[in-house]
Amino acid sequence: MGNGPSNPKALALMTEEDKAVYSLAPENAKTGLKISAQYYADNEAALQNKFLDFISR
């Protein structure tokens, strides 16, 4: 289930199978990768150049 529901109340309606692959389900969110949108906004150009250098090797 890619992005999952946008309404938090929908979690109660999901099957256990769907919750297992939903990244924002409480059990999955505990181990998810935390990112800082502000960091990426502040460093966009440098990060993009690093990524492009990485994938061009």
N, C-alpha and C. Protein backbone atom coordinates (compact mmCIF):
# COMPACT_ATOMS: atom_id res chain seq x y z
N MET A 1 0.87 -1.17 0.00
CA MET A 1 0.00 0.00 0.00
C MET A 1 0.90 1.22 0.00
N GLY A 2 1.19 1.76 -1.12
CA GLY A 2 2.09 2.90 -1.27
C GLY A 2 2.01 3.96 -0.21
N ASN A 3 1.18 4.96 -0.41
CA ASN A 3 1.11 6.08 0.51
C ASN A 3 0.11 5.86 1.64
N GLY A 4 -0.93 5.13 1.40
CA GLY A 4 -1.93 4.87 2.42
C GLY A 4 -2.93 5.99 2.55
N PRO A 5 -3.84 5.84 3.49
CA PRO A 5 -4.92 6.82 3.64
C PRO A 5 -4.43 8.12 4.26
N SER A 6 -5.07 9.21 3.90
CA SER A 6 -4.69 10.51 4.46
C SER A 6 -5.47 10.83 5.73
N ASN A 7 -6.54 10.13 5.98
CA ASN A 7 -7.34 10.35 7.18
C ASN A 7 -6.88 9.37 8.27
N PRO A 8 -6.36 9.86 9.39
CA PRO A 8 -5.87 8.97 10.45
C PRO A 8 -6.95 8.02 10.98
N LYS A 9 -8.21 8.40 10.90
CA LYS A 9 -9.28 7.53 11.38
C LYS A 9 -9.44 6.28 10.51
N ALA A 10 -8.91 6.34 9.30
CA ALA A 10 -9.01 5.20 8.39
C ALA A 10 -8.16 4.02 8.87
N LEU A 11 -7.18 4.27 9.70
CA LEU A 11 -6.33 3.20 10.22
C LEU A 11 -7.16 2.13 10.92
N ALA A 12 -8.20 2.55 11.61
CA ALA A 12 -9.07 1.60 12.32
C ALA A 12 -9.82 0.69 11.35
N LEU A 13 -9.97 1.09 10.11
CA LEU A 13 -10.70 0.31 9.11
C LEU A 13 -9.79 -0.60 8.29
N MET A 14 -8.49 -0.46 8.44
CA MET A 14 -7.54 -1.23 7.64
C MET A 14 -7.39 -2.64 8.19
N THR A 15 -7.12 -3.58 7.29
CA THR A 15 -6.83 -4.95 7.72
C THR A 15 -5.42 -4.99 8.31
N GLU A 16 -5.15 -6.03 9.07
CA GLU A 16 -3.81 -6.19 9.64
C GLU A 16 -2.77 -6.35 8.52
N GLU A 17 -3.18 -6.98 7.44
CA GLU A 17 -2.28 -7.15 6.29
C GLU A 17 -1.90 -5.80 5.68
N ASP A 18 -2.87 -4.90 5.57
CA ASP A 18 -2.58 -3.56 5.03
C ASP A 18 -1.73 -2.75 6.00
N LYS A 19 -2.04 -2.86 7.29
CA LYS A 19 -1.26 -2.12 8.30
C LYS A 19 0.20 -2.56 8.30
N ALA A 20 0.44 -3.83 8.00
CA ALA A 20 1.80 -4.36 8.01
C ALA A 20 2.69 -3.70 6.97
N VAL A 21 2.10 -3.18 5.88
CA VAL A 21 2.90 -2.55 4.83
C VAL A 21 2.68 -1.04 4.75
N TYR A 22 1.89 -0.51 5.66
CA TYR A 22 1.62 0.93 5.67
C TYR A 22 2.67 1.61 6.54
N SER A 23 3.49 2.45 5.93
CA SER A 23 4.65 3.02 6.64
C SER A 23 4.28 3.88 7.84
N LEU A 24 3.09 4.46 7.85
CA LEU A 24 2.71 5.32 8.98
C LEU A 24 1.87 4.62 10.03
N ALA A 25 1.68 3.31 9.89
CA ALA A 25 1.01 2.56 10.96
C ALA A 25 1.90 2.67 12.20
N PRO A 26 1.33 2.78 13.38
CA PRO A 26 2.13 3.01 14.59
C PRO A 26 3.32 2.06 14.77
N GLU A 27 3.13 0.78 14.52
CA GLU A 27 4.23 -0.16 14.69
C GLU A 27 5.34 0.05 13.67
N ASN A 28 4.98 0.45 12.47
CA ASN A 28 5.98 0.67 11.42
C ASN A 28 6.67 2.03 11.57
N ALA A 29 5.95 3.01 12.04
CA ALA A 29 6.52 4.35 12.19
C ALA A 29 7.64 4.38 13.23
N LYS A 30 7.61 3.45 14.17
CA LYS A 30 8.65 3.41 15.22
C LYS A 30 10.03 3.15 14.64
N THR A 31 10.08 2.41 13.54
CA THR A 31 11.37 2.04 12.98
C THR A 31 11.64 2.72 11.64
N GLY A 32 10.78 3.61 11.24
CA GLY A 32 10.94 4.30 9.96
C GLY A 32 12.09 5.29 9.97
N LEU A 33 12.57 5.59 8.81
CA LEU A 33 13.64 6.56 8.64
C LEU A 33 13.09 7.96 8.84
N LYS A 34 13.67 8.70 9.75
CA LYS A 34 13.23 10.07 10.01
C LYS A 34 14.03 11.01 9.12
N ILE A 35 13.34 11.88 8.41
CA ILE A 35 14.03 12.84 7.56
C ILE A 35 13.63 14.26 7.96
N SER A 36 14.47 15.18 7.63
CA SER A 36 14.21 16.58 7.94
C SER A 36 13.97 17.34 6.63
N ALA A 37 12.74 17.70 6.39
CA ALA A 37 12.42 18.45 5.18
C ALA A 37 13.17 19.78 5.14
N GLN A 38 13.36 20.38 6.29
CA GLN A 38 14.07 21.66 6.35
C GLN A 38 15.52 21.50 5.91
N TYR A 39 16.16 20.41 6.32
CA TYR A 39 17.54 20.15 5.90
C TYR A 39 17.62 20.06 4.38
N TYR A 40 16.71 19.31 3.79
CA TYR A 40 16.72 19.16 2.34
C TYR A 40 16.40 20.47 1.64
N ALA A 41 15.52 21.26 2.20
CA ALA A 41 15.20 22.57 1.62
C ALA A 41 16.42 23.49 1.68
N ASP A 42 17.13 23.46 2.80
CA ASP A 42 18.29 24.33 2.97
C ASP A 42 19.50 23.90 2.13
N ASN A 43 19.57 22.63 1.78
CA ASN A 43 20.76 22.09 1.11
C ASN A 43 20.44 21.44 -0.24
N GLU A 44 19.35 21.84 -0.84
CA GLU A 44 18.87 21.18 -2.06
C GLU A 44 19.91 21.10 -3.17
N ALA A 45 20.52 22.20 -3.50
CA ALA A 45 21.46 22.22 -4.63
C ALA A 45 22.66 21.31 -4.37
N ALA A 46 23.25 21.41 -3.21
CA ALA A 46 24.42 20.58 -2.89
C ALA A 46 24.05 19.10 -2.87
N LEU A 47 22.91 18.77 -2.29
CA LEU A 47 22.49 17.38 -2.22
C LEU A 47 22.18 16.82 -3.61
N GLN A 48 21.55 17.62 -4.43
CA GLN A 48 21.24 17.17 -5.78
C GLN A 48 22.52 16.90 -6.55
N ASN A 49 23.51 17.77 -6.42
CA ASN A 49 24.78 17.57 -7.11
C ASN A 49 25.49 16.31 -6.61
N LYS A 50 25.46 16.09 -5.29
CA LYS A 50 26.08 14.88 -4.74
C LYS A 50 25.39 13.64 -5.28
N PHE A 51 24.05 13.68 -5.33
CA PHE A 51 23.31 12.53 -5.83
C PHE A 51 23.62 12.29 -7.31
N LEU A 52 23.63 13.34 -8.10
CA LEU A 52 23.94 13.19 -9.52
C LEU A 52 25.35 12.64 -9.73
N ASP A 53 26.32 13.09 -8.93
CA ASP A 53 27.67 12.54 -9.00
C ASP A 53 27.67 11.06 -8.65
N PHE A 54 26.90 10.70 -7.64
CA PHE A 54 26.83 9.31 -7.19
C PHE A 54 26.25 8.40 -8.27
N ILE A 55 25.14 8.80 -8.88
CA ILE A 55 24.51 7.91 -9.85
C ILE A 55 25.20 7.91 -11.22
N SER A 56 26.09 8.86 -11.45
CA SER A 56 26.77 8.91 -12.74
C SER A 56 28.05 8.07 -12.75
N ARG A 57 28.40 7.46 -11.66
CA ARG A 57 29.63 6.64 -11.62
C ARG A 57 29.42 5.31 -12.24
